[in-house]
Amino acid sequence: MTGEQRVLTVLDRKEPDRVPHFEWSIDRTVREALAPGSGTLNGFAERMGLDAVLVDPDFSRQPAGPGRWKSEWGYVLQDSAEEHGIEVESPIQSREDFDRYTPPDPHAPGRYASVEKAISQYGGAFAVIVHLNDVFSLPRYLMGYENLLMAIAAEPDLVTALVDLSVDLNLAMAKEVAARGAKIVYTGDDFAGDSGPLMSPGHFRRLFYPGLRRVMHGFKSLGLKVIKHTDGMIWPIMDMIVDSGIDCLDPIDPIAGMDLAEVKRKLGGRVALKGNVDCAHLMTLGTPGQVAEATRKALRIGMPGGGFILSSSNSIHSAVKPENYRAMLDTLKECGTY
């Protein structure tokens, strides 16, 4: 099987020839240690024989001070130790700001040049997965994390308006990428922390779930498969996430108490699963032998019946030891064949 065939088979909750693997992010230091000169994340995926490459629509950014960048969306990012920045300024603080706000045009010329290039270069051999969003990340970027969480209680109408804006824009982008031959999208909106959801289940049901259903059903109506990423302990809102129409749930975060065996048993094959080797502590502080054992355990639990993608519990960030990620890859090669 090709990587694309392997991933699509898993998203149909069937058994491929072997368990596929890819990561949403692999830090440049880890990439360079394991595959010197591979360059980008997708260059690393190609060199190392991973099963998917990732691509975003193209949005511009402009310098906004030392180590700061203003995105086309209007928020400002500060450079960090990771390859992605940290949001430090947001354009919307009130309903009046929202009413004045003009988002980027999802149909702008050149918006999908990177998507077109990735599909042309990798399509068929690798699963080309396009990064979009659903109902939380864009509102968070536009309002700021703390302001959005306060608005959930104080200004629910503003939150609903932001969610609707996010859904409308992401469905417009989904139509564009589907028309260019994309088959899979993933949404990276995190709904929870280690101790539970970022909002009450009631607030999630009222303010976010209707939009989540609408965006997922819109993706699916275009023929797109959807991998939904959310960190944290999501049990209180799990059924809503799954019932929204996703094809795969990621990353089944063990640090937050999300036990892979329990998730697989309770979901009963309703969606595929992706995860869940701990990258917060084990892959950072542990030994290759410990990572290999955790990888074998994840494979023992996830493999039966298919529908399983092996990955870390979030990403291969800058603190992950390269030898630990290598141990995970080697163990997959040894134990991940059906």
Protein backbone atom coordinates (compact mmCIF):
# COMPACT_ATOMS: atom_id res chain seq x y z
CA MET A 1 0.00 0.00 0.00
CA THR A 2 1.00 3.63 -0.46
CA GLY A 3 0.85 6.03 2.44
CA GLU A 4 -2.34 7.53 1.04
CA GLN A 5 -4.00 4.13 0.71
CA ARG A 6 -2.85 3.17 4.20
CA VAL A 7 -4.26 6.29 5.87
CA LEU A 8 -7.54 6.20 3.94
CA THR A 9 -8.00 2.54 4.87
CA VAL A 10 -7.55 3.42 8.54
CA LEU A 11 -10.01 6.32 8.27
CA ASP A 12 -12.54 3.78 6.96
CA ARG A 13 -11.81 1.84 10.20
CA LYS A 14 -10.26 -1.10 8.38
CA GLU A 15 -6.90 -2.88 8.56
CA PRO A 16 -4.15 -1.69 6.19
CA ASP A 17 -0.97 -3.67 5.52
CA ARG A 18 0.69 -1.93 8.46
CA VAL A 19 -0.09 0.78 10.98
CA PRO A 20 0.53 4.22 9.44
CA HIS A 21 2.45 6.98 11.18
CA PHE A 22 2.84 10.73 10.87
CA GLU A 23 3.07 13.72 13.20
CA TRP A 24 1.47 17.16 13.09
CA SER A 25 4.81 18.73 13.92
CA ILE A 26 8.40 17.50 14.20
CA ASP A 27 10.86 20.03 15.53
CA ARG A 28 13.71 21.01 13.22
CA THR A 29 16.37 19.83 15.71
CA VAL A 30 14.86 16.34 15.78
CA ARG A 31 14.50 16.30 12.00
CA GLU A 32 18.11 17.31 11.52
CA ALA A 33 19.37 14.75 14.03
CA LEU A 34 17.56 11.85 12.35
CA ALA A 35 17.64 12.94 8.70
CA PRO A 36 20.31 15.60 8.16
CA GLY A 37 19.53 17.94 5.31
CA SER A 38 15.90 16.87 4.97
CA GLY A 39 14.80 20.45 5.54
CA THR A 40 11.05 20.83 5.96
CA LEU A 41 8.62 18.58 7.80
CA ASN A 42 7.45 17.15 4.49
CA GLY A 43 11.01 16.62 3.33
CA PHE A 44 11.60 14.69 6.53
CA ALA A 45 8.42 12.65 5.99
CA GLU A 46 9.60 11.76 2.49
CA ARG A 47 13.10 10.84 3.64
CA MET A 48 11.91 8.74 6.59
CA GLY A 49 9.04 7.00 4.81
CA LEU A 50 6.22 8.44 6.91
CA ASP A 51 2.70 8.06 5.56
CA ALA A 52 1.45 11.64 5.29
CA VAL A 53 2.54 15.14 4.45
CA LEU A 54 0.87 18.26 5.82
CA VAL A 55 -0.01 21.54 4.20
CA ASP A 56 -1.80 24.79 5.10
CA PRO A 57 -3.52 27.34 2.92
CA ASP A 58 -1.23 30.32 2.35
CA PHE A 59 -1.68 33.35 4.60
CA SER A 60 0.80 36.21 4.69
CA ARG A 61 2.45 37.78 7.72
CA GLN A 62 4.34 41.01 8.24
CA PRO A 63 7.02 42.02 10.79
CA ALA A 64 5.49 43.65 13.89
CA GLY A 65 8.54 44.21 16.08
CA PRO A 66 11.54 42.15 17.26
CA GLY A 67 10.61 38.51 16.82
CA ARG A 68 6.97 39.42 16.23
CA TRP A 69 4.75 38.87 13.21
CA LYS A 70 1.29 40.16 12.34
CA SER A 71 -0.71 37.57 10.50
CA GLU A 72 -3.13 38.26 7.69
CA TRP A 73 -5.88 37.51 10.24
CA GLY A 74 -4.81 40.49 12.35
CA TYR A 75 -3.34 38.75 15.39
CA VAL A 76 0.32 39.04 16.39
CA LEU A 77 2.63 36.12 17.13
CA GLN A 78 5.85 36.17 19.15
CA ASP A 79 8.65 33.80 18.11
CA SER A 80 9.22 30.95 20.56
CA ALA A 81 11.51 27.96 20.98
CA GLU A 82 9.13 25.98 18.78
CA GLU A 83 8.65 26.59 15.07
CA HIS A 84 5.22 28.10 15.73
CA GLY A 85 4.86 31.38 17.60
CA ILE A 86 2.82 32.40 20.63
CA GLU A 87 -0.15 34.72 20.17
CA VAL A 88 0.37 38.01 22.03
CA GLU A 89 -2.12 40.44 20.45
CA SER A 90 -5.63 39.93 19.06
CA PRO A 91 -7.83 42.19 16.92
CA ILE A 92 -11.22 41.60 18.57
CA GLN A 93 -12.03 42.62 22.13
CA SER A 94 -15.70 43.55 21.79
CA ARG A 95 -18.78 43.13 19.62
CA GLU A 96 -17.95 46.47 18.02
CA ASP A 97 -14.51 45.13 17.04
CA PHE A 98 -16.16 42.07 15.56
CA ASP A 99 -18.62 44.13 13.54
CA ARG A 100 -15.70 46.12 12.06
CA TYR A 101 -13.50 43.08 11.42
CA THR A 102 -12.82 41.89 7.87
CA PRO A 103 -11.24 38.42 7.62
CA PRO A 104 -8.89 37.33 4.86
CA ASP A 105 -10.56 36.37 1.59
CA PRO A 106 -10.67 32.54 1.41
CA HIS A 107 -10.80 32.81 -2.40
CA ALA A 108 -7.82 35.15 -2.83
CA PRO A 109 -5.43 34.35 -5.69
CA GLY A 110 -2.53 32.20 -4.52
CA ARG A 111 -4.31 31.15 -1.33
CA TYR A 112 -3.91 27.47 -2.20
CA ALA A 113 -0.58 27.44 -4.03
CA SER A 114 1.03 25.30 -1.32
CA VAL A 115 -1.91 22.89 -1.36
CA GLU A 116 -1.68 22.54 -5.13
CA LYS A 117 2.07 21.96 -4.94
CA ALA A 118 1.77 19.32 -2.21
CA ILE A 119 -0.94 17.41 -4.07
CA SER A 120 1.08 17.55 -7.29
CA GLN A 121 4.32 16.47 -5.57
CA TYR A 122 3.06 13.92 -3.04
CA GLY A 123 -0.50 12.93 -3.95
CA GLY A 124 -1.01 9.19 -4.30
CA ALA A 125 2.26 8.26 -2.65
CA PHE A 126 1.52 10.09 0.62
CA ALA A 127 -1.69 11.12 2.29
CA VAL A 128 -1.78 14.88 1.74
CA ILE A 129 -3.56 16.31 4.79
CA VAL A 130 -4.71 19.93 4.75
CA HIS A 131 -4.81 21.85 8.03
CA LEU A 132 -8.07 23.72 8.58
CA ASN A 133 -9.92 24.64 11.79
CA ASP A 134 -13.34 24.07 13.27
CA VAL A 135 -14.85 26.16 16.10
CA PHE A 136 -12.25 27.12 18.72
CA SER A 137 -8.83 28.03 17.32
CA LEU A 138 -9.89 30.94 15.10
CA PRO A 139 -12.08 32.53 17.82
CA ARG A 140 -9.15 32.09 20.23
CA TYR A 141 -6.71 33.77 17.83
CA LEU A 142 -9.10 36.63 17.12
CA MET A 143 -10.03 37.33 20.76
CA GLY A 144 -7.12 35.95 22.71
CA TYR A 145 -7.30 32.86 24.89
CA GLU A 146 -8.30 34.44 28.21
CA ASN A 147 -10.72 36.91 26.65
CA LEU A 148 -12.50 34.15 24.75
CA LEU A 149 -12.89 32.03 27.87
CA MET A 150 -14.36 35.00 29.75
CA ALA A 151 -16.67 35.81 26.85
CA ILE A 152 -18.14 32.30 27.01
CA ALA A 153 -19.87 33.40 30.21
CA ALA A 154 -20.10 37.17 29.72
CA GLU A 155 -20.74 37.59 25.97
CA PRO A 156 -22.12 34.33 24.54
CA ASP A 157 -23.58 36.10 21.50
CA LEU A 158 -20.11 37.31 20.54
CA VAL A 159 -18.73 33.78 20.94
CA THR A 160 -21.51 32.42 18.72
CA ALA A 161 -20.72 35.05 16.09
CA LEU A 162 -17.03 34.10 16.15
CA VAL A 163 -17.87 30.40 15.87
CA ASP A 164 -20.15 31.07 12.89
CA LEU A 165 -17.41 33.14 11.24
CA SER A 166 -14.92 30.30 11.75
CA VAL A 167 -17.31 27.71 10.34
CA ASP A 168 -18.18 29.81 7.28
CA LEU A 169 -14.55 30.58 6.46
CA ASN A 170 -13.34 27.02 6.96
CA LEU A 171 -16.13 25.59 4.83
CA ALA A 172 -15.20 28.05 2.09
CA MET A 173 -11.57 26.90 2.32
CA ALA A 174 -12.64 23.26 2.38
CA LYS A 175 -14.49 23.72 -0.91
CA GLU A 176 -11.36 25.19 -2.44
CA VAL A 177 -9.03 22.40 -1.29
CA ALA A 178 -11.50 19.66 -2.22
CA ALA A 179 -11.76 21.14 -5.71
CA ARG A 180 -7.98 20.83 -5.96
CA GLY A 181 -7.99 17.14 -5.11
CA ALA A 182 -7.52 17.12 -1.33
CA LYS A 183 -8.99 14.05 0.35
CA ILE A 184 -8.21 14.57 4.05
CA VAL A 185 -8.32 17.57 6.38
CA TYR A 186 -7.45 17.88 10.02
CA THR A 187 -8.61 20.44 12.54
CA GLY A 188 -6.31 21.32 15.40
CA ASP A 189 -8.68 23.15 17.75
CA ASP A 190 -7.96 22.09 21.35
CA PHE A 191 -11.05 21.92 23.57
CA ALA A 192 -9.50 20.74 26.85
CA GLY A 193 -6.63 20.79 29.30
CA ASP A 194 -5.24 18.02 31.45
CA SER A 195 -8.05 18.30 34.00
CA GLY A 196 -11.00 18.65 31.63
CA PRO A 197 -12.67 20.78 28.95
CA LEU A 198 -11.91 24.48 28.79
CA MET A 199 -15.60 25.23 29.21
CA SER A 200 -18.50 23.41 30.86
CA PRO A 201 -20.20 20.67 28.81
CA GLY A 202 -23.31 22.86 28.84
CA HIS A 203 -21.48 25.82 27.35
CA PHE A 204 -19.82 23.54 24.81
CA ARG A 205 -23.20 22.13 23.77
CA ARG A 206 -24.80 25.57 23.43
CA LEU A 207 -21.99 27.63 21.94
CA PHE A 208 -19.64 25.26 20.08
CA TYR A 209 -21.37 21.97 19.30
CA PRO A 210 -23.84 23.35 16.70
CA GLY A 211 -20.96 24.90 14.77
CA LEU A 212 -18.86 21.76 15.17
CA ARG A 213 -21.64 19.67 13.64
CA ARG A 214 -22.12 22.16 10.83
CA VAL A 215 -18.45 22.35 9.88
CA MET A 216 -17.88 18.59 10.10
CA HIS A 217 -20.99 17.81 8.06
CA GLY A 218 -19.85 20.41 5.54
CA PHE A 219 -16.43 18.80 5.24
CA LYS A 220 -18.00 15.37 4.81
CA SER A 221 -20.48 16.62 2.18
CA LEU A 222 -17.43 17.59 0.09
CA GLY A 223 -16.10 14.02 0.30
CA LEU A 224 -13.34 14.94 2.76
CA LYS A 225 -12.17 12.67 5.55
CA VAL A 226 -11.66 14.51 8.84
CA ILE A 227 -9.12 13.93 11.61
CA LYS A 228 -10.06 15.86 14.73
CA HIS A 229 -7.23 16.84 17.08
CA THR A 230 -7.84 17.96 20.62
CA ASP A 231 -5.51 17.57 23.57
CA GLY A 232 -6.65 17.07 27.12
CA MET A 233 -9.24 15.19 29.12
CA ILE A 234 -12.27 15.27 26.84
CA TRP A 235 -14.54 12.61 28.39
CA PRO A 236 -17.28 15.11 29.38
CA ILE A 237 -17.65 16.25 25.75
CA MET A 238 -16.46 13.11 23.97
CA ASP A 239 -19.85 12.06 22.62
CA MET A 240 -20.46 15.49 21.11
CA ILE A 241 -17.06 15.46 19.40
CA VAL A 242 -17.59 11.99 17.97
CA ASP A 243 -21.22 12.61 17.00
CA SER A 244 -20.23 15.75 15.08
CA GLY A 245 -19.15 13.51 12.21
CA ILE A 246 -15.38 13.16 12.53
CA ASP A 247 -13.57 10.17 11.04
CA CYS A 248 -10.64 10.01 13.47
CA LEU A 249 -9.91 11.27 17.00
CA ASP A 250 -6.39 12.40 17.95
CA PRO A 251 -4.27 12.18 20.16
CA ILE A 252 -5.89 10.30 23.12
CA ASP A 253 -3.70 12.20 25.60
CA PRO A 254 -2.38 9.82 28.31
CA ILE A 255 -1.13 12.64 30.56
CA ALA A 256 -4.73 13.86 30.75
CA GLY A 257 -5.98 10.41 31.73
CA MET A 258 -7.20 9.41 28.27
CA ASP A 259 -6.54 5.67 28.30
CA LEU A 260 -6.34 4.27 24.77
CA ALA A 261 -7.91 0.94 25.70
CA GLU A 262 -10.84 2.63 27.44
CA VAL A 263 -11.40 5.01 24.53
CA LYS A 264 -11.34 2.15 22.04
CA ARG A 265 -13.73 0.07 24.14
CA LYS A 266 -16.21 2.87 24.78
CA LEU A 267 -16.25 4.23 21.25
CA GLY A 268 -16.71 0.75 19.83
CA GLY A 269 -15.20 1.44 16.45
CA ARG A 270 -17.32 4.52 15.73
CA VAL A 271 -14.20 6.46 14.68
CA ALA A 272 -10.57 5.70 13.96
CA LEU A 273 -8.02 6.61 16.63
CA LYS A 274 -4.62 8.31 16.42
CA GLY A 275 -2.02 8.45 19.22
CA ASN A 276 -0.88 8.08 21.91
CA VAL A 277 2.78 7.70 22.96
CA ASP A 278 3.42 10.32 25.66
CA CYS A 279 5.54 13.17 24.31
CA ALA A 280 5.16 15.45 27.34
CA HIS A 281 7.24 13.36 29.73
CA LEU A 282 8.17 9.95 28.33
CA MET A 283 9.62 11.00 24.98
CA THR A 284 11.28 14.00 26.66
CA LEU A 285 12.71 12.48 29.84
CA GLY A 286 12.51 8.73 29.29
CA THR A 287 14.81 6.23 27.63
CA PRO A 288 14.55 4.62 24.19
CA GLY A 289 13.67 1.34 25.89
CA GLN A 290 10.78 2.95 27.74
CA VAL A 291 9.53 4.60 24.57
CA ALA A 292 9.75 1.28 22.71
CA GLU A 293 7.65 -0.42 25.39
CA ALA A 294 5.03 2.36 25.31
CA THR A 295 4.92 2.08 21.53
CA ARG A 296 4.42 -1.69 21.70
CA LYS A 297 1.60 -1.17 24.21
CA ALA A 298 -0.13 1.38 21.97
CA LEU A 299 0.15 -1.00 19.03
CA ARG A 300 -1.20 -3.95 21.02
CA ILE A 301 -4.25 -1.92 22.00
CA GLY A 302 -4.82 0.08 18.85
CA MET A 303 -4.12 -2.41 16.07
CA PRO A 304 -6.85 -5.08 16.43
CA GLY A 305 -9.59 -4.52 13.87
CA GLY A 306 -7.76 -1.65 12.18
CA GLY A 307 -8.66 2.01 12.43
CA PHE A 308 -5.45 3.01 14.22
CA ILE A 309 -2.67 5.51 13.42
CA LEU A 310 0.38 5.48 15.69
CA SER A 311 1.72 8.85 16.76
CA SER A 312 2.86 10.82 19.75
CA SER A 313 0.35 12.30 22.16
CA ASN A 314 0.69 15.69 20.49
CA SER A 315 3.82 16.36 18.44
CA ILE A 316 7.55 15.81 18.31
CA HIS A 317 8.46 19.12 19.93
CA SER A 318 11.88 20.61 20.65
CA ALA A 319 12.34 18.82 24.00
CA VAL A 320 11.80 15.33 22.56
CA LYS A 321 15.03 13.35 22.44
CA PRO A 322 15.79 12.34 18.84
CA GLU A 323 16.81 8.85 20.00
CA ASN A 324 13.40 8.42 21.62
CA TYR A 325 11.56 9.30 18.44
CA ARG A 326 13.86 6.92 16.59
CA ALA A 327 12.91 4.20 19.10
CA MET A 328 9.25 4.81 18.35
CA LEU A 329 9.84 4.55 14.60
CA ASP A 330 11.94 1.41 14.93
CA THR A 331 9.35 -0.27 17.15
CA LEU A 332 6.58 0.56 14.69
CA LYS A 333 8.61 -1.01 11.91
CA GLU A 334 9.19 -4.12 14.03
CA CYS A 335 5.69 -4.57 15.50
CA GLY A 336 3.23 -2.61 13.35
CA THR A 337 2.54 -5.03 10.49
CA TYR A 338 -0.80 -6.83 10.25
